[in-house]
Amino acid sequence: MLLPIIEEFYTLQGEGAQTGRAAYFVRLGGCDVGCSWCDAKETWKAGVHRMVEVAETVARAAAVPAKAVVITGGEPQMYPLGELCEALKAEGIEIFLETSGSHPFSGKFDWVCLSPKRRQPPLDEAWAHADELKVIVEGKDDLRWAEKCAERVERARVEGVRANKDVRLFLQPEWSRREEVMPMIVDYIKENPRWRISLQSHKYMRIP
């Protein structure tokens, strides 16, 4: 099987619940969400990226000390990920997915970071898959959006379409406006402590 892979690299996870963990990142090309602040706009056009055999990627991932892979993009769920996940699992590798939830799910993951976007909201099925909810914040409207998303995750639990487990809730300042929105996010979390802050720590560390 072939997938449009932009890059693969070994680094530390810089965001969300898995911050600080060493992991092998697999970044897939292609995204139709189109966030204006996206820091990976080179991923948007799927057809311009090299097609890579799944077996090659799995071999490289298995060669690093951390038995953990982050599948990201772009929007990785634009592609069938079952074969990639099965091959990674056969090597004893933990699999973490980062997705907007805007496409049907495929593949089996140990952890799903759902990062919902207002311009193209997640499909109904996405809320049941989330282990963490990570909402990017540019302004106050994003805080209201974050609460709506948290309600959808909770509704999925109540309706019995997701396991009865806690979902970690994160607010992450949009990088280019971090100085402006940070005080607002801090105050909001102090008033609503079920939320936590996620920082793009890899950018502070100046690592990929």
N, C-alpha and C. Protein backbone atom coordinates (compact mmCIF):
# COMPACT_ATOMS: atom_id res chain seq x y z
N MET A 1 0.84 -1.20 0.00
CA MET A 1 0.00 0.00 0.00
C MET A 1 0.87 1.24 0.00
N LEU A 2 0.42 2.29 -0.70
CA LEU A 2 1.17 3.55 -0.78
C LEU A 2 0.38 4.66 -0.09
N LEU A 3 1.11 5.56 0.57
CA LEU A 3 0.51 6.73 1.19
C LEU A 3 1.33 7.96 0.83
N PRO A 4 0.68 9.15 0.68
CA PRO A 4 1.42 10.37 0.35
C PRO A 4 2.07 10.94 1.61
N ILE A 5 3.31 10.62 1.82
CA ILE A 5 4.01 11.04 3.04
C ILE A 5 4.92 12.21 2.74
N ILE A 6 4.70 13.31 3.45
CA ILE A 6 5.52 14.50 3.29
C ILE A 6 6.86 14.34 3.98
N GLU A 7 6.80 13.85 5.23
CA GLU A 7 8.03 13.71 6.00
C GLU A 7 7.84 12.71 7.13
N GLU A 8 8.95 12.17 7.57
CA GLU A 8 9.01 11.31 8.75
C GLU A 8 10.19 11.79 9.58
N PHE A 9 10.01 11.85 10.89
CA PHE A 9 11.12 12.30 11.73
C PHE A 9 10.91 11.83 13.16
N TYR A 10 12.01 11.71 13.87
CA TYR A 10 12.01 11.25 15.25
C TYR A 10 12.24 12.46 16.15
N THR A 11 11.33 12.68 17.10
CA THR A 11 11.42 13.89 17.92
C THR A 11 10.64 13.67 19.22
N LEU A 12 10.34 14.75 19.92
CA LEU A 12 9.47 14.71 21.09
C LEU A 12 8.12 15.31 20.73
N GLN A 13 7.06 14.69 21.22
CA GLN A 13 5.73 15.27 21.03
C GLN A 13 5.68 16.59 21.81
N GLY A 14 5.24 17.65 21.15
CA GLY A 14 5.27 18.95 21.78
C GLY A 14 3.94 19.46 22.29
N GLU A 15 2.82 18.76 21.98
CA GLU A 15 1.50 19.29 22.28
C GLU A 15 0.62 18.26 22.99
N GLY A 16 -0.37 18.77 23.71
CA GLY A 16 -1.42 17.93 24.24
C GLY A 16 -1.00 16.96 25.33
N ALA A 17 -1.78 15.90 25.46
CA ALA A 17 -1.62 14.96 26.57
C ALA A 17 -0.32 14.19 26.54
N GLN A 18 0.26 14.01 25.37
CA GLN A 18 1.49 13.21 25.24
C GLN A 18 2.75 14.07 25.20
N THR A 19 2.65 15.34 25.59
CA THR A 19 3.80 16.24 25.55
C THR A 19 5.00 15.65 26.26
N GLY A 20 6.14 15.75 25.61
CA GLY A 20 7.40 15.29 26.19
C GLY A 20 7.80 13.88 25.82
N ARG A 21 6.90 13.12 25.20
CA ARG A 21 7.21 11.74 24.83
C ARG A 21 7.98 11.70 23.52
N ALA A 22 8.97 10.84 23.47
CA ALA A 22 9.66 10.60 22.21
C ALA A 22 8.75 9.79 21.29
N ALA A 23 8.73 10.16 20.02
CA ALA A 23 7.87 9.46 19.07
C ALA A 23 8.37 9.68 17.66
N TYR A 24 8.05 8.74 16.79
CA TYR A 24 8.36 8.85 15.37
C TYR A 24 7.14 9.43 14.68
N PHE A 25 7.31 10.58 14.03
CA PHE A 25 6.19 11.26 13.39
C PHE A 25 6.09 10.88 11.91
N VAL A 26 4.88 10.59 11.48
CA VAL A 26 4.59 10.32 10.08
C VAL A 26 3.56 11.35 9.64
N ARG A 27 3.98 12.28 8.77
CA ARG A 27 3.10 13.35 8.32
C ARG A 27 2.59 13.06 6.91
N LEU A 28 1.27 12.92 6.80
CA LEU A 28 0.65 12.63 5.51
C LEU A 28 0.23 13.92 4.81
N GLY A 29 0.32 13.92 3.49
CA GLY A 29 -0.08 15.07 2.70
C GLY A 29 -1.56 15.04 2.37
N GLY A 30 -2.14 16.23 2.27
CA GLY A 30 -3.55 16.35 1.93
C GLY A 30 -4.38 16.85 3.09
N CYS A 31 -5.07 17.97 2.87
CA CYS A 31 -5.99 18.50 3.88
C CYS A 31 -6.98 19.42 3.18
N ASP A 32 -8.26 19.26 3.49
CA ASP A 32 -9.29 20.11 2.89
C ASP A 32 -9.96 21.00 3.92
N VAL A 33 -9.34 21.15 5.09
CA VAL A 33 -9.91 22.01 6.13
C VAL A 33 -9.47 23.46 5.90
N GLY A 34 -8.18 23.67 5.65
CA GLY A 34 -7.69 24.98 5.24
C GLY A 34 -7.71 26.06 6.30
N CYS A 35 -7.19 25.79 7.48
CA CYS A 35 -7.12 26.80 8.55
C CYS A 35 -6.13 27.91 8.16
N SER A 36 -6.53 29.15 8.33
CA SER A 36 -5.68 30.27 7.91
C SER A 36 -4.36 30.31 8.67
N TRP A 37 -4.36 29.81 9.91
CA TRP A 37 -3.17 29.86 10.75
C TRP A 37 -2.34 28.57 10.69
N CYS A 38 -2.72 27.66 9.83
CA CYS A 38 -2.03 26.36 9.75
C CYS A 38 -0.53 26.55 9.59
N ASP A 39 0.25 25.80 10.39
CA ASP A 39 1.71 25.89 10.28
C ASP A 39 2.29 24.76 9.43
N ALA A 40 1.41 24.07 8.70
CA ALA A 40 1.87 23.01 7.80
C ALA A 40 1.10 23.09 6.48
N LYS A 41 1.02 24.28 5.93
CA LYS A 41 0.24 24.48 4.70
C LYS A 41 0.81 23.71 3.52
N GLU A 42 2.08 23.32 3.62
CA GLU A 42 2.68 22.52 2.56
C GLU A 42 2.02 21.16 2.44
N THR A 43 1.21 20.79 3.44
CA THR A 43 0.55 19.49 3.42
C THR A 43 -0.75 19.50 2.63
N TRP A 44 -1.28 20.66 2.29
CA TRP A 44 -2.65 20.74 1.80
C TRP A 44 -2.89 19.99 0.50
N LYS A 45 -1.96 20.05 -0.45
CA LYS A 45 -2.17 19.42 -1.76
C LYS A 45 -1.61 18.00 -1.73
N ALA A 46 -2.53 17.06 -1.73
CA ALA A 46 -2.11 15.65 -1.59
C ALA A 46 -1.33 15.15 -2.80
N GLY A 47 -1.73 15.56 -4.00
CA GLY A 47 -1.17 14.97 -5.21
C GLY A 47 0.27 15.31 -5.51
N VAL A 48 0.84 16.28 -4.78
CA VAL A 48 2.21 16.70 -5.10
C VAL A 48 3.25 15.98 -4.26
N HIS A 49 2.82 15.10 -3.38
CA HIS A 49 3.76 14.46 -2.46
C HIS A 49 4.12 13.04 -2.90
N ARG A 50 5.31 12.63 -2.53
CA ARG A 50 5.82 11.32 -2.91
C ARG A 50 5.00 10.21 -2.25
N MET A 51 4.66 9.20 -3.03
CA MET A 51 3.94 8.05 -2.50
C MET A 51 4.95 7.06 -1.94
N VAL A 52 4.73 6.64 -0.72
CA VAL A 52 5.69 5.80 0.01
C VAL A 52 5.01 4.50 0.42
N GLU A 53 5.73 3.40 0.29
CA GLU A 53 5.19 2.11 0.70
C GLU A 53 5.08 2.04 2.21
N VAL A 54 3.95 1.53 2.70
CA VAL A 54 3.73 1.40 4.13
C VAL A 54 4.86 0.61 4.80
N ALA A 55 5.32 -0.44 4.16
CA ALA A 55 6.37 -1.28 4.75
C ALA A 55 7.65 -0.49 5.00
N GLU A 56 7.98 0.45 4.13
CA GLU A 56 9.17 1.27 4.31
C GLU A 56 9.04 2.15 5.54
N THR A 57 7.89 2.78 5.68
CA THR A 57 7.65 3.65 6.83
C THR A 57 7.69 2.87 8.13
N VAL A 58 7.06 1.71 8.14
CA VAL A 58 7.03 0.89 9.35
C VAL A 58 8.44 0.45 9.74
N ALA A 59 9.25 0.09 8.77
CA ALA A 59 10.62 -0.33 9.06
C ALA A 59 11.42 0.80 9.70
N ARG A 60 11.24 2.02 9.20
CA ARG A 60 11.96 3.16 9.78
C ARG A 60 11.45 3.46 11.19
N ALA A 61 10.15 3.38 11.38
CA ALA A 61 9.58 3.64 12.71
C ALA A 61 10.04 2.61 13.73
N ALA A 62 10.15 1.35 13.30
CA ALA A 62 10.56 0.28 14.20
C ALA A 62 12.03 0.37 14.59
N ALA A 63 12.79 1.15 13.83
CA ALA A 63 14.24 1.22 14.07
C ALA A 63 14.62 2.22 15.16
N VAL A 64 13.70 3.08 15.59
CA VAL A 64 14.03 4.08 16.60
C VAL A 64 13.73 3.51 17.99
N PRO A 65 14.39 4.04 19.04
CA PRO A 65 14.22 3.49 20.39
C PRO A 65 12.79 3.57 20.93
N ALA A 66 12.09 4.66 20.67
CA ALA A 66 10.71 4.81 21.18
C ALA A 66 9.76 4.00 20.31
N LYS A 67 9.04 3.10 20.93
CA LYS A 67 8.06 2.32 20.17
C LYS A 67 6.73 3.06 20.15
N ALA A 68 6.76 4.24 19.52
CA ALA A 68 5.58 5.10 19.46
C ALA A 68 5.60 5.87 18.15
N VAL A 69 4.45 5.94 17.50
CA VAL A 69 4.31 6.66 16.24
C VAL A 69 3.14 7.63 16.34
N VAL A 70 3.36 8.86 15.89
CA VAL A 70 2.29 9.85 15.76
C VAL A 70 1.97 9.98 14.28
N ILE A 71 0.72 9.69 13.92
CA ILE A 71 0.26 9.87 12.54
C ILE A 71 -0.47 11.21 12.48
N THR A 72 0.04 12.10 11.64
CA THR A 72 -0.49 13.46 11.59
C THR A 72 -0.55 13.92 10.15
N GLY A 73 -0.83 15.20 9.96
CA GLY A 73 -0.93 15.70 8.59
C GLY A 73 -0.69 17.18 8.53
N GLY A 74 -1.40 17.86 7.61
CA GLY A 74 -2.54 17.42 6.86
C GLY A 74 -3.66 16.81 7.71
N GLU A 75 -4.53 16.12 7.00
CA GLU A 75 -5.60 15.36 7.63
C GLU A 75 -5.43 13.90 7.29
N PRO A 76 -4.85 13.12 8.21
CA PRO A 76 -4.51 11.72 7.90
C PRO A 76 -5.70 10.83 7.60
N GLN A 77 -6.89 11.17 8.11
CA GLN A 77 -8.04 10.29 7.87
C GLN A 77 -8.63 10.46 6.48
N MET A 78 -7.97 11.23 5.62
CA MET A 78 -8.36 11.25 4.22
C MET A 78 -8.01 9.93 3.54
N TYR A 79 -7.23 9.09 4.22
CA TYR A 79 -6.73 7.85 3.62
C TYR A 79 -7.07 6.66 4.50
N PRO A 80 -7.20 5.47 3.93
CA PRO A 80 -7.40 4.26 4.74
C PRO A 80 -6.12 3.94 5.50
N LEU A 81 -6.22 3.88 6.81
CA LEU A 81 -5.03 3.70 7.64
C LEU A 81 -4.96 2.32 8.29
N GLY A 82 -5.89 1.46 7.93
CA GLY A 82 -5.91 0.13 8.54
C GLY A 82 -4.63 -0.65 8.35
N GLU A 83 -4.13 -0.70 7.13
CA GLU A 83 -2.92 -1.49 6.86
C GLU A 83 -1.71 -0.93 7.59
N LEU A 84 -1.58 0.40 7.62
CA LEU A 84 -0.47 1.03 8.34
C LEU A 84 -0.54 0.70 9.83
N CYS A 85 -1.73 0.80 10.42
CA CYS A 85 -1.88 0.51 11.84
C CYS A 85 -1.58 -0.95 12.16
N GLU A 86 -2.06 -1.84 11.33
CA GLU A 86 -1.81 -3.27 11.57
C GLU A 86 -0.32 -3.58 11.50
N ALA A 87 0.37 -2.98 10.55
CA ALA A 87 1.81 -3.24 10.41
C ALA A 87 2.59 -2.65 11.58
N LEU A 88 2.20 -1.48 12.05
CA LEU A 88 2.87 -0.88 13.21
C LEU A 88 2.62 -1.72 14.46
N LYS A 89 1.40 -2.19 14.64
CA LYS A 89 1.08 -3.01 15.80
C LYS A 89 1.87 -4.33 15.80
N ALA A 90 2.09 -4.86 14.62
CA ALA A 90 2.86 -6.10 14.51
C ALA A 90 4.30 -5.91 15.01
N GLU A 91 4.76 -4.66 15.02
CA GLU A 91 6.10 -4.34 15.51
C GLU A 91 6.07 -3.89 16.98
N GLY A 92 4.90 -3.99 17.61
CA GLY A 92 4.78 -3.61 19.01
C GLY A 92 4.83 -2.11 19.25
N ILE A 93 4.35 -1.34 18.28
CA ILE A 93 4.43 0.12 18.34
C ILE A 93 3.09 0.72 18.76
N GLU A 94 3.14 1.66 19.72
CA GLU A 94 1.96 2.43 20.09
C GLU A 94 1.63 3.42 18.98
N ILE A 95 0.35 3.66 18.75
CA ILE A 95 -0.06 4.53 17.64
C ILE A 95 -0.92 5.67 18.17
N PHE A 96 -0.49 6.88 17.85
CA PHE A 96 -1.21 8.08 18.25
C PHE A 96 -1.67 8.81 16.99
N LEU A 97 -2.94 9.18 16.95
CA LEU A 97 -3.49 9.87 15.79
C LEU A 97 -3.83 11.31 16.14
N GLU A 98 -3.51 12.22 15.23
CA GLU A 98 -3.95 13.61 15.35
C GLU A 98 -4.85 13.91 14.15
N THR A 99 -6.10 14.31 14.43
CA THR A 99 -7.08 14.48 13.36
C THR A 99 -8.07 15.58 13.70
N SER A 100 -8.62 16.18 12.65
CA SER A 100 -9.70 17.14 12.83
C SER A 100 -11.05 16.44 12.95
N GLY A 101 -11.09 15.16 12.61
CA GLY A 101 -12.33 14.41 12.67
C GLY A 101 -13.28 14.68 11.52
N SER A 102 -12.78 15.33 10.47
CA SER A 102 -13.65 15.73 9.36
C SER A 102 -13.84 14.65 8.31
N HIS A 103 -13.19 13.49 8.50
CA HIS A 103 -13.33 12.38 7.56
C HIS A 103 -13.61 11.09 8.34
N PRO A 104 -14.21 10.09 7.70
CA PRO A 104 -14.50 8.83 8.39
C PRO A 104 -13.23 8.19 8.95
N PHE A 105 -13.37 7.55 10.09
CA PHE A 105 -12.23 6.92 10.75
C PHE A 105 -11.91 5.57 10.13
N SER A 106 -10.61 5.31 10.05
CA SER A 106 -10.13 3.98 9.68
C SER A 106 -8.86 3.73 10.48
N GLY A 107 -8.57 2.47 10.76
CA GLY A 107 -7.41 2.13 11.56
C GLY A 107 -7.74 2.06 13.04
N LYS A 108 -6.87 1.40 13.79
CA LYS A 108 -7.04 1.26 15.24
C LYS A 108 -5.86 1.96 15.93
N PHE A 109 -6.18 2.79 16.95
CA PHE A 109 -5.18 3.64 17.57
C PHE A 109 -5.20 3.47 19.09
N ASP A 110 -4.06 3.71 19.69
CA ASP A 110 -3.97 3.67 21.15
C ASP A 110 -4.43 4.99 21.77
N TRP A 111 -4.35 6.06 20.97
CA TRP A 111 -4.72 7.38 21.48
C TRP A 111 -5.13 8.25 20.31
N VAL A 112 -6.25 8.94 20.46
CA VAL A 112 -6.73 9.85 19.41
C VAL A 112 -6.83 11.26 19.97
N CYS A 113 -6.08 12.16 19.36
CA CYS A 113 -6.20 13.58 19.66
C CYS A 113 -7.12 14.19 18.61
N LEU A 114 -8.31 14.60 19.05
CA LEU A 114 -9.27 15.23 18.15
C LEU A 114 -9.12 16.75 18.29
N SER A 115 -8.75 17.39 17.19
CA SER A 115 -8.58 18.84 17.18
C SER A 115 -9.63 19.44 16.22
N PRO A 116 -10.84 19.70 16.72
CA PRO A 116 -11.95 20.11 15.85
C PRO A 116 -11.78 21.54 15.34
N LYS A 117 -12.20 21.75 14.10
CA LYS A 117 -12.09 23.07 13.47
C LYS A 117 -13.49 23.58 13.11
N ARG A 118 -13.73 24.85 13.39
CA ARG A 118 -15.06 25.42 13.14
C ARG A 118 -15.41 25.46 11.67
N ARG A 119 -14.40 25.69 10.82
CA ARG A 119 -14.70 25.85 9.40
C ARG A 119 -15.10 24.52 8.74
N GLN A 120 -14.73 23.40 9.35
CA GLN A 120 -15.16 22.09 8.86
C GLN A 120 -15.27 21.16 10.06
N PRO A 121 -16.40 21.19 10.76
CA PRO A 121 -16.55 20.46 12.01
C PRO A 121 -16.39 18.95 11.85
N PRO A 122 -16.08 18.27 12.95
CA PRO A 122 -15.96 16.81 12.91
C PRO A 122 -17.26 16.12 12.51
N LEU A 123 -17.13 14.96 11.91
CA LEU A 123 -18.28 14.11 11.67
C LEU A 123 -18.83 13.62 13.01
N ASP A 124 -20.09 13.22 13.02
CA ASP A 124 -20.71 12.76 14.27
C ASP A 124 -19.92 11.62 14.90
N GLU A 125 -19.36 10.75 14.08
CA GLU A 125 -18.65 9.58 14.63
C GLU A 125 -17.37 9.95 15.35
N ALA A 126 -16.80 11.12 15.05
CA ALA A 126 -15.49 11.48 15.58
C ALA A 126 -15.49 11.64 17.09
N TRP A 127 -16.59 12.17 17.65
CA TRP A 127 -16.62 12.45 19.09
C TRP A 127 -16.43 11.19 19.92
N ALA A 128 -16.87 10.06 19.41
CA ALA A 128 -16.76 8.81 20.15
C ALA A 128 -15.34 8.26 20.16
N HIS A 129 -14.48 8.76 19.28
CA HIS A 129 -13.11 8.24 19.19
C HIS A 129 -12.12 9.03 20.05
N ALA A 130 -12.49 10.22 20.48
CA ALA A 130 -11.52 11.13 21.11
C ALA A 130 -11.05 10.65 22.48
N ASP A 131 -9.74 10.65 22.67
CA ASP A 131 -9.14 10.48 24.00
C ASP A 131 -8.76 11.83 24.58
N GLU A 132 -8.48 12.76 23.69
CA GLU A 132 -8.27 14.14 24.11
C GLU A 132 -8.89 15.06 23.08
N LEU A 133 -9.32 16.22 23.56
CA LEU A 133 -9.88 17.27 22.72
C LEU A 133 -8.92 18.44 22.80
N LYS A 134 -8.40 18.87 21.66
CA LYS A 134 -7.43 19.97 21.64
C LYS A 134 -7.96 21.06 20.71
N VAL A 135 -8.37 22.19 21.31
CA VAL A 135 -8.99 23.27 20.55
C VAL A 135 -8.00 24.43 20.44
N ILE A 136 -7.77 24.88 19.22
CA ILE A 136 -6.86 26.01 18.98
C ILE A 136 -7.63 27.31 19.21
N VAL A 137 -7.01 28.21 19.97
CA VAL A 137 -7.69 29.44 20.38
C VAL A 137 -7.02 30.67 19.78
N GLU A 138 -7.81 31.41 18.99
CA GLU A 138 -7.40 32.71 18.48
C GLU A 138 -8.10 33.85 19.20
N GLY A 139 -9.31 33.59 19.71
CA GLY A 139 -10.10 34.62 20.36
C GLY A 139 -11.22 34.01 21.16
N LYS A 140 -12.10 34.85 21.71
CA LYS A 140 -13.16 34.39 22.60
C LYS A 140 -14.13 33.43 21.93
N ASP A 141 -14.37 33.62 20.63
CA ASP A 141 -15.29 32.72 19.93
C ASP A 141 -14.81 31.28 19.99
N ASP A 142 -13.50 31.09 20.04
CA ASP A 142 -12.95 29.73 20.09
C ASP A 142 -13.21 29.08 21.44
N LEU A 143 -13.32 29.88 22.50
CA LEU A 143 -13.67 29.32 23.80
C LEU A 143 -15.10 28.80 23.79
N ARG A 144 -16.00 29.53 23.14
CA ARG A 144 -17.38 29.05 23.02
C ARG A 144 -17.44 27.78 22.17
N TRP A 145 -16.64 27.74 21.10
CA TRP A 145 -16.56 26.55 20.25
C TRP A 145 -16.02 25.37 21.05
N ALA A 146 -15.02 25.62 21.89
CA ALA A 146 -14.44 24.56 22.70
C ALA A 146 -15.49 23.93 23.62
N GLU A 147 -16.33 24.76 24.22
CA GLU A 147 -17.35 24.22 25.12
C GLU A 147 -18.38 23.40 24.35
N LYS A 148 -18.74 23.84 23.15
CA LYS A 148 -19.66 23.06 22.33
C LYS A 148 -19.07 21.69 21.99
N CYS A 149 -17.76 21.69 21.70
CA CYS A 149 -17.10 20.42 21.38
C CYS A 149 -17.05 19.50 22.59
N ALA A 150 -16.79 20.07 23.76
CA ALA A 150 -16.77 19.26 24.99
C ALA A 150 -18.16 18.67 25.25
N GLU A 151 -19.20 19.43 24.95
CA GLU A 151 -20.56 18.92 25.10
C GLU A 151 -20.84 17.75 24.17
N ARG A 152 -20.31 17.83 22.95
CA ARG A 152 -20.52 16.73 21.99
C ARG A 152 -19.81 15.46 22.46
N VAL A 153 -18.62 15.60 23.01
CA VAL A 153 -17.90 14.43 23.53
C VAL A 153 -18.69 13.80 24.68
N GLU A 154 -19.18 14.64 25.58
CA GLU A 154 -19.94 14.14 26.72
C GLU A 154 -21.25 13.50 26.26
N ARG A 155 -21.89 14.09 25.25
CA ARG A 155 -23.13 13.52 24.74
C ARG A 155 -22.89 12.13 24.16
N ALA A 156 -21.77 11.95 23.49
CA ALA A 156 -21.44 10.63 22.94
C ALA A 156 -21.30 9.60 24.04
N ARG A 157 -20.75 10.03 25.19
CA ARG A 157 -20.62 9.10 26.32
C ARG A 157 -21.99 8.75 26.88
N VAL A 158 -22.82 9.77 27.10
CA VAL A 158 -24.16 9.55 27.67
C VAL A 158 -25.00 8.67 26.77
N GLU A 159 -24.88 8.87 25.46
CA GLU A 159 -25.66 8.08 24.51
C GLU A 159 -25.12 6.68 24.31
N GLY A 160 -23.99 6.39 24.95
CA GLY A 160 -23.45 5.05 24.91
C GLY A 160 -22.67 4.69 23.67
N VAL A 161 -22.30 5.68 22.86
CA VAL A 161 -21.54 5.38 21.65
C VAL A 161 -20.04 5.52 21.87
N ARG A 162 -19.63 5.84 23.09
CA ARG A 162 -18.21 5.87 23.42
C ARG A 162 -18.03 5.21 24.79
N ALA A 163 -16.84 4.76 25.05
CA ALA A 163 -16.54 4.14 26.34
C ALA A 163 -16.71 5.17 27.45
N ASN A 164 -17.03 4.69 28.63
CA ASN A 164 -17.20 5.58 29.78
C ASN A 164 -15.83 5.95 30.34
N LYS A 165 -15.15 6.84 29.64
CA LYS A 165 -13.82 7.25 30.06
C LYS A 165 -13.71 8.76 29.96
N ASP A 166 -12.82 9.30 30.78
CA ASP A 166 -12.61 10.74 30.74
C ASP A 166 -11.86 11.12 29.47
N VAL A 167 -12.22 12.24 28.92
CA VAL A 167 -11.51 12.81 27.78
C VAL A 167 -10.77 14.05 28.27
N ARG A 168 -9.50 14.12 28.00
CA ARG A 168 -8.72 15.26 28.45
C ARG A 168 -9.00 16.46 27.53
N LEU A 169 -9.25 17.59 28.14
CA LEU A 169 -9.64 18.80 27.41
C LEU A 169 -8.51 19.81 27.43
N PHE A 170 -8.09 20.26 26.25
CA PHE A 170 -6.98 21.20 26.13
C PHE A 170 -7.36 22.42 25.30
N LEU A 171 -6.91 23.58 25.75
CA LEU A 171 -6.97 24.81 24.97
C LEU A 171 -5.54 25.17 24.59
N GLN A 172 -5.32 25.39 23.30
CA GLN A 172 -3.97 25.68 22.82
C GLN A 172 -3.94 27.02 22.09
N PRO A 173 -3.12 27.97 22.56
CA PRO A 173 -3.05 29.26 21.86
C PRO A 173 -2.50 29.11 20.46
N GLU A 174 -3.16 29.77 19.51
CA GLU A 174 -2.63 29.81 18.14
C GLU A 174 -1.28 30.51 18.20
N TRP A 175 -0.26 29.88 17.61
CA TRP A 175 1.12 30.28 17.84
C TRP A 175 1.39 31.75 17.55
N SER A 176 0.89 32.25 16.45
CA SER A 176 1.21 33.63 16.06
C SER A 176 0.53 34.67 16.96
N ARG A 177 -0.48 34.22 17.75
CA ARG A 177 -1.19 35.13 18.65
C ARG A 177 -1.05 34.72 20.11
N ARG A 178 -0.04 33.91 20.41
CA ARG A 178 0.09 33.34 21.75
C ARG A 178 0.22 34.40 22.84
N GLU A 179 0.98 35.47 22.58
CA GLU A 179 1.17 36.50 23.60
C GLU A 179 -0.15 37.22 23.88
N GLU A 180 -0.96 37.38 22.86
CA GLU A 180 -2.22 38.09 22.99
C GLU A 180 -3.27 37.27 23.71
N VAL A 181 -3.37 35.98 23.36
CA VAL A 181 -4.47 35.17 23.91
C VAL A 181 -4.10 34.40 25.17
N MET A 182 -2.82 34.31 25.50
CA MET A 182 -2.41 33.52 26.66
C MET A 182 -3.09 33.96 27.96
N PRO A 183 -3.12 35.26 28.28
CA PRO A 183 -3.78 35.66 29.53
C PRO A 183 -5.26 35.27 29.57
N MET A 184 -5.95 35.38 28.43
CA MET A 184 -7.35 35.00 28.36
C MET A 184 -7.53 33.52 28.63
N ILE A 185 -6.66 32.69 28.04
CA ILE A 185 -6.76 31.25 28.23
C ILE A 185 -6.47 30.88 29.68
N VAL A 186 -5.46 31.49 30.26
CA VAL A 186 -5.11 31.22 31.66
C VAL A 186 -6.29 31.55 32.58
N ASP A 187 -6.88 32.73 32.39
CA ASP A 187 -8.03 33.12 33.22
C ASP A 187 -9.20 32.17 33.01
N TYR A 188 -9.42 31.74 31.77
CA TYR A 188 -10.54 30.86 31.49
C TYR A 188 -10.36 29.50 32.17
N ILE A 189 -9.16 28.98 32.14
CA ILE A 189 -8.91 27.67 32.76
C ILE A 189 -9.02 27.77 34.28
N LYS A 190 -8.62 28.89 34.84
CA LYS A 190 -8.76 29.07 36.29
C LYS A 190 -10.23 29.07 36.69
N GLU A 191 -11.10 29.58 35.81
CA GLU A 191 -12.53 29.58 36.07
C GLU A 191 -13.20 28.26 35.67
N ASN A 192 -12.56 27.54 34.77
CA ASN A 192 -13.11 26.28 34.24
C ASN A 192 -12.03 25.20 34.29
N PRO A 193 -11.71 24.71 35.48
CA PRO A 193 -10.52 23.87 35.66
C PRO A 193 -10.58 22.48 35.04
N ARG A 194 -11.69 22.13 34.41
CA ARG A 194 -11.68 20.84 33.69
C ARG A 194 -10.79 20.94 32.45
N TRP A 195 -10.53 22.17 32.00
CA TRP A 195 -9.65 22.40 30.86
C TRP A 195 -8.21 22.52 31.32
N ARG A 196 -7.29 22.15 30.43
CA ARG A 196 -5.86 22.35 30.65
C ARG A 196 -5.30 23.14 29.47
N ILE A 197 -4.12 23.69 29.65
CA ILE A 197 -3.49 24.40 28.55
C ILE A 197 -2.50 23.49 27.83
N SER A 198 -2.47 23.60 26.52
CA SER A 198 -1.48 22.90 25.70
C SER A 198 -0.63 23.95 25.02
N LEU A 199 0.68 23.84 25.18
CA LEU A 199 1.61 24.75 24.52
C LEU A 199 2.39 24.00 23.45
N GLN A 200 2.73 24.66 22.39
CA GLN A 200 3.55 24.03 21.35
C GLN A 200 5.00 24.06 21.82
N SER A 201 5.29 23.19 22.78
CA SER A 201 6.59 23.23 23.44
C SER A 201 7.74 22.92 22.49
N HIS A 202 7.47 22.18 21.42
CA HIS A 202 8.53 21.88 20.47
C HIS A 202 9.05 23.14 19.79
N LYS A 203 8.18 24.14 19.65
CA LYS A 203 8.61 25.40 19.05
C LYS A 203 9.49 26.19 20.02
N TYR A 204 9.16 26.12 21.30
CA TYR A 204 10.02 26.75 22.29
C TYR A 204 11.38 26.05 22.36
N MET A 205 11.37 24.72 22.18
CA MET A 205 12.62 23.95 22.22
C MET A 205 13.38 24.01 20.90
N ARG A 206 12.71 24.52 19.87
CA ARG A 206 13.29 24.63 18.53
C ARG A 206 13.69 23.27 17.97
N ILE A 207 12.73 22.34 18.10
CA ILE A 207 12.89 21.00 17.53
C ILE A 207 11.72 20.77 16.58
N PRO A 208 11.83 19.79 15.68
CA PRO A 208 10.72 19.53 14.73
C PRO A 208 9.43 19.17 15.45
